[in-house]
């Protein structure tokens, strides 16, 4: 990889005269920081609105053509450690949500990422050019063009899905189909049924998201479209899920009705629910410590991500209210300037400065609503998915434990058979001899033991397969989560820096102009 960095230039000419300011905001790179620059280095993209290419994956679930693994320092904590997020167990009320921003709360090891770095990415990021390895993806999916459908019975939207691929198992290199939300829900159910211990990407909520009253307004539809686009592309990037036959059918078949087996899916869901209720009565025996640690981690992660989501929702609401107030604030100065001839120029300047800050505030709210909030909300839903996956693993473990217990009981029953008295059994009343009855019962027990041994062997393989799948997918999920969170936090930092620099430039320009006029007035008074 070759990296060239051209000199940073300020977009604000008056700030070029302030070397101390820019020296304090210089951008620092450490040896471990260069792999992260790839997602910032696309030339011509707006600040805070850059895309990351999803990494390609090998069949084993590791990332190829990506530096995700290199971004994790050698001294990084275990992915199941509670210290990874820097969160402590607490059960305080929602009024204490702001404690999540404690200086000790961090999503990564401080050696690899430090949010508090006094840097200004906007001053140098767009000057970076990177030559990296080519993308090895072979499945590209786009979700766009939402279309409204209204009938006498229902009202819904469909989305166009364009798929381009070079995989040999596809008959064509490009497909175009239309799907509604129920179709995505069907796909998720099929994938869960086929891969019960793999971590699926979360699907957006079925009903209106919090803060959106109308179910089918433009903002809701666009938010859902982006979430569905991310859902399909995360599946396409998965080394196992992307080769699922139902996923291929979803992308290629025009009419899904013939492939949807509602009855079997419903029965499967009911069986899973019954088993879940039955297993909840007693705790799982012999659960490996690593999965217990996963459960604890997910509980803490879900709690803290939920807090972050709620806090940022409030922050976004306050910024929007602030933007509305600025729009009402500026005209007051404009009207005032019409009645004060001596103050007309500075009043007009203040009105113009407020308008500029208002536009910057709108840009900040757009960045917050399109970058940080979707990332946080996705991982709130992802935490719920993780809980479901861990429960399904526990169900498999519970089945295995119950078969082990049944086998042990049958073996104990066979050992006690030799010393048991069968003289008062139903067979004795029919005239059967003691030896004959013992032989028949022993044969029955032997058959049951043989069947149970086969079941135990099968379930043992199933537990081992589920555990290995979940552990591999867990590592992959942790890498993706950290990468996504770092990207979201860096975009948030860039957006805030850009906002405050714009406001600073606006007010410094106004101040310089007023100071110049005051000196001119002083000079004219002294000369007069």
Protein backbone atom coordinates (compact mmCIF):
# COMPACT_ATOMS: atom_id res chain seq x y z
CA UNK A 1 0.00 0.00 0.00
CA UNK A 2 1.38 3.41 -0.97
CA UNK A 3 0.18 6.55 0.77
CA UNK A 4 0.78 10.06 -0.46
CA UNK A 5 -0.23 13.08 1.60
CA UNK A 6 -0.42 16.46 -0.07
CA UNK A 7 -0.13 19.62 2.02
CA UNK A 8 -3.27 20.57 3.89
CA UNK A 9 -4.92 23.80 2.83
CA UNK A 10 -7.53 25.68 4.76
CA UNK A 11 -10.83 26.40 3.05
CA UNK A 12 -11.11 29.61 5.10
CA UNK A 13 -8.55 32.23 3.94
CA UNK A 14 -8.66 34.20 7.19
CA UNK A 15 -7.67 31.07 9.12
CA UNK A 16 -4.47 30.73 7.08
CA UNK A 17 -3.22 33.77 8.99
CA UNK A 18 -3.58 31.89 12.28
CA UNK A 19 -0.73 29.34 12.36
CA UNK A 20 -1.15 28.69 16.08
CA UNK A 21 -4.76 27.57 15.58
CA UNK A 22 -3.87 25.15 12.81
CA UNK A 23 -0.76 23.96 14.64
CA UNK A 24 -2.97 23.04 17.55
CA UNK A 25 -5.36 21.21 15.21
CA UNK A 26 -2.76 19.36 13.18
CA UNK A 27 -3.75 15.83 12.20
CA UNK A 28 -1.66 13.11 13.85
CA UNK A 29 -1.16 9.62 12.48
CA UNK A 30 0.19 6.67 14.39
CA UNK A 31 1.52 3.44 12.95
CA UNK A 32 -1.79 1.72 13.59
CA UNK A 33 -3.90 4.49 12.10
CA UNK A 34 -3.11 4.11 8.39
CA UNK A 35 -5.39 1.11 7.75
CA UNK A 36 -8.35 3.21 8.91
CA UNK A 37 -7.70 5.94 6.37
CA UNK A 38 -9.07 3.91 3.47
CA UNK A 39 -12.66 4.76 4.27
CA UNK A 40 -11.80 8.48 4.44
CA UNK A 41 -9.71 8.72 1.32
CA UNK A 42 -12.30 8.73 -1.46
CA UNK A 43 -11.69 11.99 -3.33
CA UNK A 44 -14.57 14.32 -4.00
CA UNK A 45 -16.88 13.03 -1.26
CA UNK A 46 -18.52 15.41 1.14
CA UNK A 47 -17.26 15.65 4.67
CA UNK A 48 -18.82 13.11 6.99
CA UNK A 49 -20.74 11.37 4.20
CA UNK A 50 -18.19 8.80 3.01
CA UNK A 51 -18.95 5.15 2.35
CA UNK A 52 -16.94 2.22 3.53
CA UNK A 53 -16.51 -0.72 1.23
CA UNK A 54 -17.70 -3.87 2.97
CA UNK A 55 -14.79 -6.31 3.21
CA UNK A 56 -14.83 -9.50 1.23
CA UNK A 57 -14.79 -12.73 3.15
CA UNK A 58 -13.20 -16.10 2.76
CA UNK A 59 -15.11 -19.33 3.29
CA UNK A 60 -13.76 -19.54 6.81
CA UNK A 61 -15.29 -16.22 7.75
CA UNK A 62 -12.05 -14.22 7.81
CA UNK A 63 -11.69 -10.92 6.02
CA UNK A 64 -9.76 -10.79 2.76
CA UNK A 65 -8.67 -7.62 1.02
CA UNK A 66 -9.24 -5.79 4.27
CA UNK A 67 -7.14 -4.42 7.06
CA UNK A 68 -9.79 -5.12 9.68
CA UNK A 69 -7.62 -7.67 11.37
CA UNK A 70 -4.66 -5.31 11.36
CA UNK A 71 -6.70 -2.67 13.11
CA UNK A 72 -7.05 -4.82 16.22
CA UNK A 73 -3.94 -4.24 18.36
CA UNK A 74 -2.09 -7.18 19.82
CA UNK A 75 -2.87 -5.95 23.27
CA UNK A 76 -6.61 -5.75 22.56
CA UNK A 77 -8.81 -7.34 25.23
CA UNK A 78 -10.70 -10.56 24.71
CA UNK A 79 -13.82 -9.93 22.54
CA UNK A 80 -16.02 -11.28 25.31
CA UNK A 81 -14.56 -9.08 28.02
CA UNK A 82 -16.83 -6.48 29.56
CA UNK A 83 -13.91 -4.09 29.44
CA UNK A 84 -14.10 -3.99 25.65
CA UNK A 85 -16.85 -1.41 25.89
CA UNK A 86 -15.59 0.09 29.13
CA UNK A 87 -19.01 -0.41 30.68
CA UNK A 88 -19.74 -1.34 34.26
CA UNK A 89 -22.81 -3.14 35.49
CA UNK A 90 -25.32 -0.64 36.76
CA UNK A 91 -29.07 -0.46 37.06
CA UNK A 92 -29.57 3.28 37.29
CA UNK A 93 -32.63 4.98 35.88
CA UNK A 94 -32.82 6.59 32.45
CA UNK A 95 -32.26 9.98 34.05
CA UNK A 96 -28.61 8.97 34.46
CA UNK A 97 -28.18 8.14 30.77
CA UNK A 98 -25.57 10.82 30.28
CA UNK A 99 -23.15 8.83 32.42
CA UNK A 100 -22.44 6.78 29.32
CA UNK A 101 -20.22 9.61 28.12
CA UNK A 102 -17.80 9.14 30.99
CA UNK A 103 -14.16 9.63 30.04
CA UNK A 104 -13.57 5.95 30.80
CA UNK A 105 -16.24 4.73 28.36
CA UNK A 106 -14.69 3.66 25.07
CA UNK A 107 -15.57 1.06 22.48
CA UNK A 108 -11.99 0.06 21.72
CA UNK A 109 -8.60 -0.21 23.23
CA UNK A 110 -7.22 3.27 23.74
CA UNK A 111 -3.97 2.26 22.07
CA UNK A 112 -5.72 1.89 18.74
CA UNK A 113 -8.25 4.72 18.84
CA UNK A 114 -8.63 7.85 20.89
CA UNK A 115 -11.74 9.97 20.47
CA UNK A 116 -10.22 12.89 22.33
CA UNK A 117 -7.35 13.41 19.87
CA UNK A 118 -7.00 17.14 19.17
CA UNK A 119 -7.03 16.64 15.43
CA UNK A 120 -8.82 18.19 12.51
CA UNK A 121 -9.51 15.45 9.92
CA UNK A 122 -11.25 17.92 7.63
CA UNK A 123 -7.99 19.78 7.09
CA UNK A 124 -6.11 16.80 5.62
CA UNK A 125 -8.43 13.87 4.97
CA UNK A 126 -9.47 14.98 1.50
CA UNK A 127 -5.82 15.40 0.54
CA UNK A 128 -5.05 11.68 1.00
CA UNK A 129 -4.68 9.34 -1.94
CA UNK A 130 -4.45 5.62 -1.33
CA UNK A 131 -3.59 2.72 -3.60
CA UNK A 132 -5.07 -0.37 -2.01
CA UNK A 133 -5.77 -3.93 -3.02
CA UNK A 134 -8.76 -4.47 -5.35
CA UNK A 135 -12.17 -5.45 -4.02
CA UNK A 136 -12.78 -9.21 -4.25
CA UNK A 137 -16.55 -9.13 -3.88
CA UNK A 138 -18.54 -11.09 -6.42
CA UNK A 139 -22.11 -10.17 -5.39
CA UNK A 140 -23.39 -6.59 -5.58
CA UNK A 141 -26.92 -5.67 -4.48
CA UNK A 142 -28.76 -2.36 -4.68
CA UNK A 143 -32.13 -1.56 -3.10
CA UNK A 144 -33.80 1.53 -4.55
CA UNK A 145 -36.90 2.96 -6.28
CA UNK A 146 -39.62 2.51 -3.63
CA UNK A 147 -43.03 2.20 -5.30
CA UNK A 148 -46.41 2.63 -3.61
CA UNK A 149 -49.18 0.07 -4.10
CA UNK A 150 -52.74 0.57 -2.88
CA UNK A 151 -55.52 -2.00 -3.10
CA UNK A 152 -58.90 -2.39 -1.46
CA UNK A 153 -57.38 -4.63 1.22
CA UNK A 154 -53.87 -3.31 1.83
CA UNK A 155 -51.49 -0.45 1.34
CA UNK A 156 -47.76 -1.16 0.92
CA UNK A 157 -44.48 -0.26 -0.80
CA UNK A 158 -42.23 -2.41 -2.95
CA UNK A 159 -38.53 -1.87 -3.56
CA UNK A 160 -36.48 -2.61 -6.64
CA UNK A 161 -33.56 -4.99 -6.03
CA UNK A 162 -30.79 -5.06 -8.62
CA UNK A 163 -28.24 -7.87 -8.29
CA UNK A 164 -24.98 -8.11 -10.24
CA UNK A 165 -22.77 -11.14 -9.79
CA UNK A 166 -19.98 -13.20 -11.31
CA UNK A 167 -20.81 -16.39 -9.40
CA UNK A 168 -21.13 -19.51 -11.49
CA UNK A 169 -24.21 -20.79 -9.65
CA UNK A 170 -26.25 -17.90 -11.03
CA UNK A 171 -27.68 -18.35 -14.53
CA UNK A 172 -27.27 -14.68 -15.38
CA UNK A 173 -24.93 -11.87 -14.35
CA UNK A 174 -27.70 -9.39 -13.54
CA UNK A 175 -31.19 -9.63 -12.03
CA UNK A 176 -33.92 -7.14 -11.23
CA UNK A 177 -36.88 -7.97 -8.98
CA UNK A 178 -39.30 -6.10 -6.77
CA UNK A 179 -39.91 -7.04 -3.15
CA UNK A 180 -42.08 -5.77 -0.31
CA UNK A 181 -41.20 -5.79 3.38
CA UNK A 182 -42.98 -9.10 4.00
CA UNK A 183 -40.64 -10.75 1.50
CA UNK A 184 -37.59 -9.56 3.46
CA UNK A 185 -39.20 -10.91 6.61
CA UNK A 186 -39.72 -14.28 4.88
CA UNK A 187 -36.04 -14.34 3.85
CA UNK A 188 -34.90 -13.66 7.41
CA UNK A 189 -37.09 -16.50 8.70
CA UNK A 190 -35.69 -18.92 6.13
CA UNK A 191 -32.12 -18.00 6.99
CA UNK A 192 -32.79 -18.40 10.72
CA UNK A 193 -34.31 -21.80 10.12
CA UNK A 194 -31.37 -22.98 7.99
CA UNK A 195 -28.60 -21.36 10.07
CA UNK A 196 -29.94 -21.10 13.60
CA UNK A 197 -26.62 -20.24 15.27
CA UNK A 198 -25.29 -17.74 12.73
CA UNK A 199 -25.65 -14.04 13.50
CA UNK A 200 -27.99 -12.54 10.92
CA UNK A 201 -28.02 -8.79 10.25
CA UNK A 202 -31.03 -7.07 11.83
CA UNK A 203 -34.09 -6.25 9.79
CA UNK A 204 -35.65 -2.78 10.30
CA UNK A 205 -38.76 -2.63 12.43
CA UNK A 206 -42.04 -3.51 10.77
CA UNK A 207 -43.88 -0.46 12.06
CA UNK A 208 -43.00 3.21 12.20
CA UNK A 209 -39.72 4.07 13.85
CA UNK A 210 -39.84 6.21 16.98
CA UNK A 211 -40.42 9.87 16.21
CA UNK A 212 -42.16 9.20 12.88
CA UNK A 213 -45.92 9.42 13.21
CA UNK A 214 -46.89 8.53 9.65
CA UNK A 215 -46.08 5.02 8.57
CA UNK A 216 -45.48 5.82 4.90
CA UNK A 217 -44.03 9.31 4.91
CA UNK A 218 -40.95 10.00 2.78
CA UNK A 219 -38.50 9.96 5.69
CA UNK A 220 -39.74 6.60 6.93
CA UNK A 221 -39.63 5.01 3.48
CA UNK A 222 -36.11 6.31 2.81
CA UNK A 223 -34.89 5.15 6.22
CA UNK A 224 -36.37 1.71 5.62
CA UNK A 225 -34.88 1.54 2.10
CA UNK A 226 -31.38 2.24 3.43
CA UNK A 227 -31.82 -0.34 6.19
CA UNK A 228 -33.04 -2.99 3.72
CA UNK A 229 -30.12 -2.19 1.43
CA UNK A 230 -27.69 -2.71 4.30
CA UNK A 231 -29.50 -5.90 5.36
CA UNK A 232 -29.07 -7.55 1.95
CA UNK A 233 -25.48 -6.41 1.50
CA UNK A 234 -24.46 -7.72 4.92
CA UNK A 235 -25.91 -11.10 3.93
CA UNK A 236 -24.06 -10.90 0.59
CA UNK A 237 -20.79 -10.29 2.47
CA UNK A 238 -21.32 -13.28 4.79
CA UNK A 239 -19.24 -16.35 3.85
CA UNK A 240 -22.10 -18.77 4.59
CA UNK A 241 -25.40 -16.89 4.32
CA UNK A 242 -24.61 -15.51 0.86
CA UNK A 243 -24.64 -19.06 -0.56
CA UNK A 244 -28.02 -19.96 0.91
CA UNK A 245 -30.48 -21.21 -1.72
CA UNK A 246 -33.39 -19.14 -0.38
CA UNK A 247 -31.22 -16.03 -0.62
CA UNK A 248 -30.54 -16.83 -4.27
CA UNK A 249 -34.27 -17.36 -4.87
CA UNK A 250 -35.04 -14.04 -3.18
CA UNK A 251 -32.65 -12.21 -5.51
CA UNK A 252 -33.55 -13.91 -8.77
CA UNK A 253 -37.14 -15.21 -8.84
CA UNK A 254 -39.81 -12.77 -9.96
CA UNK A 255 -42.72 -14.33 -8.03
CA UNK A 256 -41.95 -15.64 -4.54
CA UNK A 257 -45.46 -16.96 -3.85
CA UNK A 258 -44.67 -20.48 -5.06
CA UNK A 259 -41.57 -20.65 -2.85
CA UNK A 260 -43.17 -19.43 0.36
CA UNK A 261 -44.27 -22.36 2.52
CA UNK A 262 -46.27 -20.57 5.16
CA UNK A 263 -47.51 -23.75 6.83
CA UNK A 264 -44.12 -25.34 7.41
CA UNK A 265 -42.57 -22.07 8.54
CA UNK A 266 -45.42 -21.49 10.99
CA UNK A 267 -45.11 -25.01 12.42
CA UNK A 268 -41.36 -24.59 12.76
CA UNK A 269 -41.83 -21.33 14.63
CA UNK A 270 -44.41 -22.92 16.93
CA UNK A 271 -42.08 -25.85 17.68
CA UNK A 272 -39.25 -23.43 18.47
CA UNK A 273 -41.51 -21.41 20.77
CA UNK A 274 -42.69 -24.53 22.65
CA UNK A 275 -39.11 -25.70 23.07
CA UNK A 276 -38.04 -22.26 24.26
CA UNK A 277 -40.78 -22.21 26.89
CA UNK A 278 -39.90 -25.72 28.01
CA UNK A 279 -36.19 -24.94 28.28
CA UNK A 280 -36.83 -21.72 30.20
CA UNK A 281 -38.23 -23.74 33.08
CA UNK A 282 -34.77 -25.10 33.89
CA UNK A 283 -31.40 -23.57 33.17
CA UNK A 284 -29.04 -25.12 30.64
CA UNK A 285 -26.59 -27.59 32.16
CA UNK A 286 -22.90 -27.55 31.32
CA UNK A 287 -23.02 -24.35 29.27
CA UNK A 288 -19.44 -23.47 28.26
CA UNK A 289 -18.02 -20.46 30.06
CA UNK A 290 -17.38 -18.59 26.82
CA UNK A 291 -21.09 -18.61 25.94
CA UNK A 292 -21.99 -17.47 29.45
CA UNK A 293 -19.54 -14.61 28.92
CA UNK A 294 -21.20 -13.86 25.57
CA UNK A 295 -24.61 -13.60 27.25
CA UNK A 296 -23.27 -11.20 29.86
CA UNK A 297 -21.49 -9.13 27.22
CA UNK A 298 -24.61 -8.90 25.03
CA UNK A 299 -26.76 -7.79 28.00
CA UNK A 300 -24.32 -4.96 28.81
CA UNK A 301 -23.90 -4.07 25.13
CA UNK A 302 -27.67 -3.89 24.58
CA UNK A 303 -28.13 -1.73 27.66
CA UNK A 304 -25.43 0.78 26.71
CA UNK A 305 -26.31 0.94 23.02
CA UNK A 306 -29.92 1.59 23.99
CA UNK A 307 -28.79 4.49 26.18
CA UNK A 308 -26.63 5.91 23.43
CA UNK A 309 -29.54 5.64 21.00
CA UNK A 310 -31.92 7.46 23.36
CA UNK A 311 -29.40 10.19 24.19
CA UNK A 312 -28.60 10.85 20.55
CA UNK A 313 -32.29 10.97 19.73
CA UNK A 314 -32.62 13.75 22.31
CA UNK A 315 -29.53 15.53 21.00
CA UNK A 316 -30.88 15.41 17.44
CA UNK A 317 -34.21 16.80 18.61
CA UNK A 318 -32.46 19.67 20.42
CA UNK A 319 -30.29 20.50 17.40
CA UNK A 320 -33.38 20.61 15.19
CA UNK A 321 -35.12 22.89 17.65
CA UNK A 322 -32.00 25.07 17.72
CA UNK A 323 -32.07 25.26 13.90
CA UNK A 324 -35.72 26.35 13.94
CA UNK A 325 -34.91 29.01 16.57
CA UNK A 326 -32.06 30.38 14.42
CA UNK A 327 -34.43 30.70 11.46
CA UNK A 328 -36.71 32.83 13.63
CA UNK A 329 -33.77 34.73 15.13
CA UNK A 330 -32.20 36.12 11.94
CA UNK A 331 -35.24 38.07 10.60
CA UNK A 332 -35.42 40.03 13.86
CA UNK A 333 -32.04 41.62 13.15
CA UNK A 334 -32.97 42.19 9.52
CA UNK A 335 -36.14 44.08 10.52
CA UNK A 336 -34.25 46.02 13.15
CA UNK A 337 -31.67 47.19 10.60
CA UNK A 338 -34.44 48.91 8.65
CA UNK A 339 -35.18 51.30 11.52
CA UNK A 340 -31.58 51.97 12.67
CA UNK A 341 -29.55 53.63 9.95
CA UNK A 342 -26.41 53.90 12.08
CA UNK A 343 -26.55 50.20 13.03
CA UNK A 344 -27.86 48.90 9.72
CA UNK A 345 -24.58 47.41 8.56
CA UNK A 346 -23.64 45.47 11.72
CA UNK A 347 -27.24 44.30 12.18
CA UNK A 348 -27.33 43.01 8.62
CA UNK A 349 -23.97 41.31 9.23
CA UNK A 350 -25.29 39.56 12.32
CA UNK A 351 -28.38 38.40 10.43
CA UNK A 352 -26.19 37.04 7.64
CA UNK A 353 -23.91 35.28 10.16
CA UNK A 354 -26.89 33.67 11.89
CA UNK A 355 -28.16 32.44 8.52
CA UNK A 356 -24.77 30.84 7.81
CA UNK A 357 -24.74 29.16 11.24
CA UNK A 358 -28.29 27.95 10.61
CA UNK A 359 -27.20 26.24 7.39
CA UNK A 360 -24.24 24.69 9.20
CA UNK A 361 -26.60 23.42 11.92
CA UNK A 362 -28.85 21.81 9.32
CA UNK A 363 -25.80 20.05 7.87
CA UNK A 364 -24.84 18.81 11.33
CA UNK A 365 -28.32 17.39 11.97
CA UNK A 366 -28.27 15.65 8.58
CA UNK A 367 -24.93 14.04 9.43
CA UNK A 368 -26.21 12.96 12.84
CA UNK A 369 -29.43 11.48 11.46
CA UNK A 370 -27.76 9.70 8.52
CA UNK A 371 -24.47 8.51 10.04
CA UNK A 372 -24.44 8.05 13.80
CA UNK A 373 -28.08 7.33 14.64
CA UNK A 374 -28.59 4.56 12.02
CA UNK A 375 -25.38 2.87 13.16
CA UNK A 376 -26.41 2.96 16.82
CA UNK A 377 -29.96 1.81 16.12
CA UNK A 378 -28.74 -1.05 13.92
CA UNK A 379 -26.64 -2.41 16.76
CA UNK A 380 -29.50 -2.02 19.24
CA UNK A 381 -31.44 -4.39 16.97
CA UNK A 382 -28.34 -6.51 16.45
CA UNK A 383 -28.04 -7.04 20.21
CA UNK A 384 -31.59 -8.41 20.23
CA UNK A 385 -30.64 -10.74 17.38
CA UNK A 386 -27.62 -11.92 19.35
CA UNK A 387 -29.82 -12.78 22.31
CA UNK A 388 -32.04 -14.89 20.05
CA UNK A 389 -29.04 -16.71 18.58
CA UNK A 390 -27.68 -17.50 22.04
CA UNK A 391 -31.10 -18.80 23.10
CA UNK A 392 -31.23 -21.07 20.05
CA UNK A 393 -27.79 -22.42 20.93
CA UNK A 394 -29.02 -23.06 24.47
CA UNK A 395 -32.01 -24.97 23.06
CA UNK A 396 -29.67 -27.31 21.20
CA UNK A 397 -27.60 -27.71 24.37
CA UNK A 398 -30.76 -28.39 26.42
CA UNK A 399 -31.85 -31.12 23.98
CA UNK A 400 -28.44 -32.73 24.25
CA UNK A 401 -28.44 -32.54 28.07
CA UNK A 402 -31.92 -34.06 28.28
CA UNK A 403 -30.93 -36.99 26.05
CA UNK A 404 -27.80 -37.56 28.17
CA UNK A 405 -29.98 -37.69 31.31
CA UNK A 406 -32.44 -40.06 29.66
CA UNK A 407 -29.63 -42.37 28.57
CA UNK A 408 -28.16 -42.39 32.07
CA UNK A 409 -31.60 -43.24 33.54
CA UNK A 410 -32.08 -46.12 31.11
CA UNK A 411 -28.66 -47.55 31.91
CA UNK A 412 -29.38 -47.31 35.64
CA UNK A 413 -32.74 -48.99 35.06
CA UNK A 414 -31.04 -51.86 33.21
CA UNK A 415 -28.59 -52.37 36.08
CA UNK A 416 -31.42 -52.44 38.64
CA UNK A 417 -33.40 -54.89 36.54
CA UNK A 418 -31.32 -57.85 37.72
CA UNK A 419 -32.25 -57.22 41.36
CA UNK A 420 -35.85 -56.09 40.81
CA UNK A 421 -38.91 -58.14 41.79
CA UNK A 422 -41.41 -58.55 38.93
CA UNK A 423 -43.77 -60.91 40.71
CA UNK A 424 -46.46 -58.27 41.07
CA UNK A 425 -46.36 -57.00 37.51
CA UNK A 426 -49.06 -57.49 34.88
CA UNK A 427 -46.97 -60.14 33.11
CA UNK A 428 -46.81 -62.26 36.27
CA UNK A 429 -50.61 -62.35 36.45
CA UNK A 430 -50.64 -63.60 32.84
CA UNK A 431 -48.48 -66.56 33.88
CA UNK A 432 -45.13 -65.42 32.49
CA UNK A 433 -42.00 -66.58 34.24
CA UNK A 434 -39.69 -64.17 36.03
CA UNK A 435 -36.81 -64.82 33.63
CA UNK A 436 -39.01 -64.32 30.59
CA UNK A 437 -40.31 -60.98 31.89
CA UNK A 438 -36.81 -59.79 32.75
CA UNK A 439 -35.56 -60.80 29.32
CA UNK A 440 -38.37 -58.93 27.53
CA UNK A 441 -37.90 -55.81 29.62
CA UNK A 442 -34.14 -55.91 29.15
CA UNK A 443 -34.57 -56.20 25.39
CA UNK A 444 -36.89 -53.17 25.44
CA UNK A 445 -34.44 -51.16 27.56
CA UNK A 446 -31.55 -52.19 25.28
CA UNK A 447 -33.48 -50.93 22.23
CA UNK A 448 -34.21 -47.65 23.99
CA UNK A 449 -30.55 -47.29 25.02
CA UNK A 450 -29.44 -47.95 21.45
CA UNK A 451 -31.84 -45.30 20.13
CA UNK A 452 -30.76 -42.82 22.81
CA UNK A 453 -27.10 -43.42 22.05
CA UNK A 454 -27.75 -42.63 18.39
CA UNK A 455 -29.64 -39.47 19.39
CA UNK A 456 -26.88 -38.42 21.78
CA UNK A 457 -24.23 -38.90 19.09
CA UNK A 458 -26.30 -36.86 16.63
CA UNK A 459 -26.99 -34.09 19.14
CA UNK A 460 -23.36 -34.05 20.23
CA UNK A 461 -22.33 -33.32 16.62
CA UNK A 462 -25.09 -30.74 16.39
CA UNK A 463 -23.93 -28.95 19.57
CA UNK A 464 -20.32 -28.97 18.40
CA UNK A 465 -21.35 -27.63 14.97
CA UNK A 466 -23.52 -24.91 16.54
CA UNK A 467 -20.77 -23.88 18.95
CA UNK A 468 -18.10 -23.64 16.27
CA UNK A 469 -20.41 -21.68 13.96
CA UNK A 470 -21.38 -19.23 16.67
CA UNK A 471 -17.81 -18.69 17.86
CA UNK A 472 -16.57 -17.98 14.33
CA UNK A 473 -19.49 -15.66 13.58
CA UNK A 474 -19.04 -13.93 16.94
CA UNK A 475 -15.47 -12.97 16.09
CA UNK A 476 -16.59 -11.69 12.71
CA UNK A 477 -19.44 -9.71 14.28
CA UNK A 478 -17.09 -8.11 16.82
CA UNK A 479 -14.71 -6.98 14.07
CA UNK A 480 -17.56 -5.50 12.03
CA UNK A 481 -19.12 -3.82 15.07
CA UNK A 482 -15.86 -2.14 16.08
CA UNK A 483 -15.17 -1.04 12.53
CA UNK A 484 -18.70 0.38 12.14
CA UNK A 485 -18.57 2.16 15.50
CA UNK A 486 -15.17 3.68 14.78
CA UNK A 487 -16.38 4.88 11.40
CA UNK A 488 -19.56 6.38 12.90
CA UNK A 489 -17.64 8.13 15.70
CA UNK A 490 -15.04 9.50 13.29
CA UNK A 491 -17.77 10.80 10.98
CA UNK A 492 -19.44 12.41 14.00
CA UNK A 493 -16.12 14.08 14.93
CA UNK A 494 -15.62 15.31 11.36
CA UNK A 495 -19.17 16.71 11.21
CA UNK A 496 -18.72 18.54 14.50
CA UNK A 497 -15.34 19.95 13.48
CA UNK A 498 -16.78 21.09 10.16
CA UNK A 499 -19.75 22.71 11.90
CA UNK A 500 -17.72 24.62 14.47
CA UNK A 501 -15.11 25.68 11.91
CA UNK A 502 -17.85 27.08 9.66
CA UNK A 503 -19.40 28.98 12.56
CA UNK A 504 -15.96 30.17 13.71
CA UNK A 505 -15.09 31.41 10.21
CA UNK A 506 -18.44 33.21 9.92
CA UNK A 507 -18.15 35.08 13.21
CA UNK A 508 -14.44 35.86 12.78
CA UNK A 509 -15.19 37.37 9.39
CA UNK A 510 -17.95 39.51 10.91
CA UNK A 511 -15.68 40.55 13.79
CA UNK A 512 -12.78 41.48 11.49
CA UNK A 513 -15.08 43.60 9.36
CA UNK A 514 -16.48 45.44 12.37
CA UNK A 515 -13.02 46.04 13.84
CA UNK A 516 -11.84 47.48 10.52
CA UNK A 517 -14.79 49.85 10.38
CA UNK A 518 -14.23 50.92 13.99
CA UNK A 519 -10.59 51.77 13.22
CA UNK A 520 -11.63 53.73 10.16
CA UNK A 521 -14.16 55.69 12.25
CA UNK A 522 -11.45 56.38 14.86
CA UNK A 523 -9.00 57.59 12.25
CA UNK A 524 -11.61 59.85 10.69
CA UNK A 525 -12.43 61.34 14.10
CA UNK A 526 -8.75 61.93 14.90
CA UNK A 527 -8.05 63.51 11.53
CA UNK A 528 -11.12 65.75 11.89
